[in-house]
Amino acid sequence: MKQTLKNLVLVTLGSFIAASGFNTMFLDNHIASGGMIGLSVVFKQLFGLSPSFVLMFSNIPLLLMCYFLLGKSVFIKTIFGSLMYPFAIRLTADLPTLTNNPLLAAIFGGVVVGFGLGLVFRGNSSTGGTGIITQILHKYTPLSLGAAVIIIDGISVLMGLITFSPDQVMYSTLALIVISYIISQMEIGFNTSKTVMIISENNTAIQTHITTVTDRGVTIIPIQGGYSTVQKTMLMTTISSYEFPALQKHILAIDETAFIVVMPASQVFGRGFSMTKHYLREEDILLPM
């Protein structure tokens, strides 16, 4: 019950944030940033239809398709967001346009709308629309989800050529890229970490520094040189990005010939990150064979 309430709050808040970005920066600048929300900009220009009406009306057949083709569970997750978003757009319709510069509108509007939609997705829902068509294509065709998104949103953006200039379509494409980036970053987290693998003749000193000074756990992995066939050990640790420069400096101070491999770790869960640290547990170390 608590999680359900949290999800409803996230979807509601996200819908109003995204709707505010749409009405204050996209609508009057004719930025059709993909999906049904982009098509609603086109329909308003062509027929004078309210974007909230277009979204609400189009969601009815799409939700029916969702129920019969994607299943009841997906339908339940989608229905609240798909109804709340048009409602939020209607309530925020009288907000003033913040900028008449289409480039600024595409960038900053994309940030606001992307953040709002990211909250909706965090609430385990969606705003419906062409997202439903994307899921159907992914399920019933060989297309990957990413390819389906590109095709559907690409068609939506290109339909802007019916009423808007090529410049406006390019601004719409830029807005779509910004929205996608913000949503992606909200899903994986802005504070990325790094996984560092170290091979050195002074592993003991480096391990001691990591566990005592950097205050991070270390995994000791047995390895064998592919050319020399010499048995060695490799240290592996995961740290926050801001911790890496200091760690690199100390590793090279201990052994300037140390071999270091750094890989981005976009999501890290467990002790020291999403859980409270526990120190010096033998089962946390993989000893050499």
Protein backbone atom coordinates (compact mmCIF):
# COMPACT_ATOMS: atom_id res chain seq x y z
CA MET A 1 0.00 0.00 0.00
CA LYS A 2 2.82 2.40 0.88
CA GLN A 3 4.62 1.66 -2.41
CA THR A 4 1.39 2.13 -4.36
CA LEU A 5 0.82 5.52 -2.75
CA LYS A 6 4.42 6.51 -3.51
CA ASN A 7 3.96 5.49 -7.15
CA LEU A 8 0.76 7.53 -7.46
CA VAL A 9 2.53 10.60 -6.05
CA LEU A 10 5.45 10.18 -8.46
CA VAL A 11 3.14 9.75 -11.47
CA THR A 12 1.01 12.75 -10.48
CA LEU A 13 4.00 15.01 -9.78
CA GLY A 14 5.82 13.86 -12.90
CA SER A 15 2.75 14.42 -15.08
CA PHE A 16 2.36 18.01 -13.88
CA ILE A 17 6.07 18.77 -14.33
CA ALA A 18 6.10 17.33 -17.86
CA ALA A 19 2.85 19.11 -18.71
CA SER A 20 4.26 22.42 -17.46
CA GLY A 21 7.35 22.02 -19.63
CA PHE A 22 5.18 21.19 -22.63
CA ASN A 23 2.85 24.17 -22.23
CA THR A 24 5.48 26.75 -21.30
CA MET A 25 8.15 25.84 -23.85
CA PHE A 26 7.03 23.35 -26.50
CA LEU A 27 3.52 24.31 -27.56
CA ASP A 28 3.89 27.89 -28.81
CA ASN A 29 7.35 27.15 -30.23
CA HIS A 30 5.85 24.36 -32.37
CA ILE A 31 8.19 21.72 -30.95
CA ALA A 32 6.70 18.30 -31.73
CA SER A 33 9.02 16.14 -29.67
CA GLY A 34 7.79 12.72 -30.72
CA GLY A 35 4.96 10.51 -29.53
CA MET A 36 1.33 11.55 -29.19
CA ILE A 37 2.40 14.71 -27.37
CA GLY A 38 4.30 15.72 -30.50
CA LEU A 39 1.37 14.86 -32.72
CA SER A 40 -0.89 16.96 -30.49
CA VAL A 41 1.23 20.00 -31.40
CA VAL A 42 0.69 19.20 -35.09
CA PHE A 43 -3.06 18.69 -34.64
CA LYS A 44 -3.38 21.96 -32.76
CA GLN A 45 -1.72 23.78 -35.66
CA LEU A 46 -3.80 21.97 -38.30
CA PHE A 47 -7.21 21.78 -36.66
CA GLY A 48 -7.00 23.97 -33.56
CA LEU A 49 -7.59 20.96 -31.29
CA SER A 50 -6.60 21.14 -27.64
CA PRO A 51 -3.55 18.94 -26.91
CA SER A 52 -5.25 17.53 -23.81
CA PHE A 53 -8.27 16.50 -25.93
CA VAL A 54 -6.03 14.84 -28.54
CA LEU A 55 -4.15 12.90 -25.88
CA MET A 56 -7.27 11.82 -23.99
CA PHE A 57 -9.15 10.81 -27.14
CA SER A 58 -6.20 8.91 -28.65
CA ASN A 59 -5.52 7.06 -25.41
CA ILE A 60 -8.91 5.35 -25.45
CA PRO A 61 -8.22 2.98 -28.40
CA LEU A 62 -4.57 2.70 -27.40
CA LEU A 63 -5.50 1.57 -23.88
CA LEU A 64 -7.86 -1.03 -25.36
CA MET A 65 -4.99 -2.28 -27.52
CA CYS A 66 -2.80 -2.33 -24.41
CA TYR A 67 -5.31 -4.46 -22.50
CA PHE A 68 -5.83 -7.04 -25.25
CA LEU A 69 -2.32 -7.18 -26.72
CA LEU A 70 -0.04 -6.49 -23.74
CA GLY A 71 -2.07 -7.93 -20.90
CA LYS A 72 -3.89 -6.79 -17.81
CA SER A 73 -0.80 -6.08 -15.68
CA VAL A 74 0.69 -3.65 -18.24
CA PHE A 75 -2.75 -2.06 -18.69
CA ILE A 76 -3.10 -1.40 -14.95
CA LYS A 77 0.39 0.17 -14.80
CA THR A 78 -0.38 2.39 -17.79
CA ILE A 79 -3.93 3.59 -17.22
CA PHE A 80 -3.34 6.07 -14.37
CA GLY A 81 -0.45 7.86 -16.08
CA SER A 82 -2.20 7.94 -19.46
CA LEU A 83 -5.20 9.68 -17.88
CA MET A 84 -3.28 11.92 -15.49
CA TYR A 85 -0.97 13.39 -18.16
CA PRO A 86 -3.75 14.87 -20.38
CA PHE A 87 -5.48 16.12 -17.23
CA ALA A 88 -2.26 17.85 -16.13
CA ILE A 89 -1.81 19.40 -19.59
CA ARG A 90 -5.34 20.80 -19.40
CA LEU A 91 -4.79 22.29 -15.93
CA THR A 92 -1.48 23.90 -16.93
CA ALA A 93 -2.73 25.18 -20.31
CA ASP A 94 -2.88 28.80 -19.10
CA LEU A 95 0.76 28.95 -17.99
CA PRO A 96 2.71 31.62 -19.94
CA THR A 97 5.30 30.72 -22.56
CA LEU A 98 8.71 31.19 -20.93
CA THR A 99 10.76 31.71 -24.09
CA ASN A 100 10.19 32.33 -27.77
CA ASN A 101 13.67 31.09 -28.64
CA PRO A 102 13.11 27.61 -30.14
CA LEU A 103 16.63 26.45 -29.33
CA LEU A 104 16.28 27.33 -25.65
CA ALA A 105 12.79 25.85 -25.63
CA ALA A 106 14.03 22.58 -27.14
CA ILE A 107 16.88 22.23 -24.64
CA PHE A 108 15.32 23.45 -21.40
CA GLY A 109 11.87 22.18 -22.29
CA GLY A 110 13.44 18.80 -22.98
CA VAL A 111 15.07 18.85 -19.55
CA VAL A 112 11.80 19.69 -17.77
CA VAL A 113 9.64 17.28 -19.78
CA GLY A 114 12.28 14.54 -19.51
CA PHE A 115 12.51 14.98 -15.75
CA GLY A 116 8.72 14.80 -15.43
CA LEU A 117 8.44 11.70 -17.57
CA GLY A 118 11.33 10.16 -15.65
CA LEU A 119 9.31 10.55 -12.44
CA VAL A 120 6.32 8.93 -14.14
CA PHE A 121 8.47 5.95 -15.11
CA ARG A 122 9.90 5.84 -11.57
CA GLY A 123 6.30 5.52 -10.46
CA ASN A 124 6.05 2.27 -12.45
CA SER A 125 3.71 3.82 -15.03
CA SER A 126 3.80 5.63 -18.37
CA THR A 127 1.88 8.34 -20.17
CA GLY A 128 0.44 5.84 -22.65
CA GLY A 129 0.21 7.17 -26.20
CA THR A 130 2.69 5.84 -28.73
CA GLY A 131 4.57 4.13 -25.90
CA ILE A 132 1.86 1.48 -26.08
CA ILE A 133 2.42 1.04 -29.83
CA THR A 134 6.16 0.77 -29.18
CA GLN A 135 5.61 -2.03 -26.65
CA ILE A 136 3.27 -3.86 -29.04
CA LEU A 137 5.80 -3.66 -31.88
CA HIS A 138 8.54 -4.93 -29.57
CA LYS A 139 6.40 -7.84 -28.42
CA TYR A 140 5.02 -9.00 -31.77
CA THR A 141 7.88 -8.16 -34.17
CA PRO A 142 11.64 -8.85 -34.22
CA LEU A 143 12.29 -5.16 -33.49
CA SER A 144 14.17 -4.30 -30.32
CA LEU A 145 12.55 -1.84 -27.93
CA GLY A 146 15.08 0.85 -28.88
CA ALA A 147 14.43 0.35 -32.61
CA ALA A 148 10.67 0.50 -32.07
CA VAL A 149 11.01 3.76 -30.13
CA ILE A 150 13.14 5.31 -32.88
CA ILE A 151 10.68 4.28 -35.59
CA ILE A 152 7.52 5.47 -33.82
CA ASP A 153 8.93 8.71 -32.44
CA GLY A 154 10.75 9.35 -35.73
CA ILE A 155 7.47 9.09 -37.64
CA SER A 156 5.84 11.44 -35.14
CA VAL A 157 8.61 14.03 -35.48
CA LEU A 158 8.63 13.79 -39.29
CA MET A 159 4.88 14.41 -39.37
CA GLY A 160 5.75 17.88 -38.15
CA LEU A 161 6.88 18.58 -41.73
CA ILE A 162 3.19 18.68 -42.67
CA THR A 163 2.76 21.98 -40.88
CA PHE A 164 6.16 23.17 -39.64
CA SER A 165 9.39 24.23 -41.26
CA PRO A 166 12.47 21.97 -41.43
CA ASP A 167 14.08 24.16 -38.75
CA GLN A 168 11.21 23.48 -36.36
CA VAL A 169 11.41 19.75 -37.06
CA MET A 170 15.12 19.83 -36.26
CA TYR A 171 14.38 21.64 -32.98
CA SER A 172 11.80 18.93 -32.26
CA THR A 173 14.43 16.26 -32.89
CA LEU A 174 16.80 18.03 -30.50
CA ALA A 175 14.08 18.14 -27.84
CA LEU A 176 13.44 14.42 -28.30
CA ILE A 177 17.16 13.68 -27.83
CA VAL A 178 17.29 15.77 -24.64
CA ILE A 179 14.16 14.11 -23.25
CA SER A 180 15.54 10.65 -23.97
CA TYR A 181 18.86 11.51 -22.34
CA ILE A 182 17.27 12.89 -19.17
CA ILE A 183 14.98 9.88 -18.82
CA SER A 184 17.92 7.53 -19.34
CA GLN A 185 20.01 9.33 -16.72
CA MET A 186 17.15 9.20 -14.23
CA GLU A 187 16.84 5.47 -14.79
CA ILE A 188 20.54 4.68 -14.31
CA GLY A 189 21.39 7.52 -11.92
CA PHE A 190 23.38 10.71 -12.38
CA ASN A 191 26.02 9.73 -9.81
CA THR A 192 27.78 6.95 -11.66
CA SER A 193 30.49 4.87 -10.07
CA LYS A 194 33.61 3.21 -11.45
CA THR A 195 34.85 -0.35 -11.24
CA VAL A 196 38.65 -0.40 -11.06
CA MET A 197 40.79 -3.47 -11.74
CA ILE A 198 44.44 -3.32 -10.72
CA ILE A 199 47.37 -5.63 -11.45
CA SER A 200 50.55 -4.79 -9.58
CA GLU A 201 53.58 -6.32 -7.90
CA ASN A 202 52.59 -4.32 -4.80
CA ASN A 203 49.02 -5.55 -4.47
CA THR A 204 49.21 -5.80 -0.69
CA ALA A 205 50.07 -2.12 -0.22
CA ILE A 206 47.41 -1.06 -2.74
CA GLN A 207 44.81 -3.30 -1.09
CA THR A 208 45.63 -1.80 2.32
CA HIS A 209 45.25 1.73 0.93
CA ILE A 210 41.87 0.96 -0.64
CA THR A 211 40.44 -0.66 2.48
CA THR A 212 41.80 1.83 5.03
CA VAL A 213 42.16 5.19 3.25
CA THR A 214 39.62 5.02 0.44
CA ASP A 215 37.40 2.94 2.73
CA ARG A 216 36.12 0.63 0.02
CA GLY A 217 35.94 -3.13 -0.27
CA VAL A 218 38.34 -5.11 -2.44
CA THR A 219 37.93 -8.41 -4.26
CA ILE A 220 41.10 -10.44 -4.88
CA ILE A 221 40.84 -12.40 -8.12
CA PRO A 222 43.36 -15.06 -9.21
CA ILE A 223 44.57 -14.52 -12.78
CA GLN A 224 47.09 -16.00 -15.20
CA GLY A 225 49.11 -14.10 -17.78
CA GLY A 226 48.11 -15.04 -21.31
CA TYR A 227 51.68 -14.75 -22.66
CA SER A 228 53.83 -15.44 -19.63
CA THR A 229 51.40 -17.95 -18.01
CA VAL A 230 52.55 -16.52 -14.64
CA GLN A 231 50.00 -16.84 -11.83
CA LYS A 232 49.10 -13.48 -10.26
CA THR A 233 46.26 -11.77 -8.44
CA MET A 234 44.14 -8.84 -9.52
CA LEU A 235 42.40 -6.37 -7.24
CA MET A 236 38.90 -5.20 -8.09
CA THR A 237 37.06 -2.41 -6.33
CA THR A 238 34.04 -0.22 -7.04
CA ILE A 239 34.21 3.42 -6.01
CA SER A 240 32.37 6.68 -6.59
CA SER A 241 33.56 8.66 -9.60
CA TYR A 242 34.85 11.53 -7.48
CA GLU A 243 37.04 9.10 -5.49
CA PHE A 244 38.90 7.81 -8.54
CA PRO A 245 41.46 10.63 -9.13
CA ALA A 246 42.81 10.33 -5.58
CA LEU A 247 42.87 6.53 -5.79
CA GLN A 248 44.71 6.59 -9.11
CA LYS A 249 47.27 9.00 -7.71
CA HIS A 250 47.99 6.77 -4.70
CA ILE A 251 48.16 3.58 -6.78
CA LEU A 252 50.76 5.12 -9.08
CA ALA A 253 52.65 6.45 -6.06
CA ILE A 254 52.86 2.89 -4.74
CA ASP A 255 53.62 1.32 -8.13
CA GLU A 256 54.08 3.56 -11.17
CA THR A 257 54.00 0.47 -13.43
CA ALA A 258 50.64 -0.74 -12.10
CA PHE A 259 48.19 -1.89 -14.78
CA ILE A 260 44.83 -0.21 -14.16
CA VAL A 261 41.55 -0.81 -16.01
CA VAL A 262 38.62 1.52 -15.28
CA MET A 263 35.06 0.76 -16.31
CA PRO A 264 31.90 2.84 -15.72
CA ALA A 265 29.40 1.31 -13.31
CA SER A 266 26.09 3.04 -13.87
CA GLN A 267 24.22 1.17 -11.15
CA VAL A 268 25.76 -0.13 -7.94
CA PHE A 269 23.81 -1.81 -5.14
CA GLY A 270 24.99 -3.36 -1.93
CA ARG A 271 27.07 -2.49 1.10
CA GLY A 272 28.83 0.83 0.93
CA PHE A 273 26.45 2.14 -1.74
CA SER A 274 22.76 1.30 -1.26
CA MET A 275 23.31 -0.42 2.11
CA THR A 276 25.25 0.30 5.28
CA LYS A 277 28.85 -0.87 5.18
CA HIS A 278 30.04 -3.96 6.99
CA TYR A 279 33.78 -4.17 7.52
CA LEU A 280 36.28 -6.98 7.09
CA ARG A 281 34.07 -9.95 6.35
CA GLU A 282 36.03 -12.93 5.11
CA GLU A 283 33.21 -14.01 2.80
CA ASP A 284 33.55 -10.71 0.89
CA ILE A 285 37.00 -11.70 -0.41
CA LEU A 286 37.63 -14.22 -3.17
CA LEU A 287 40.96 -15.76 -2.25
CA PRO A 288 43.43 -17.15 -4.83
CA MET A 289 43.00 -20.82 -5.62
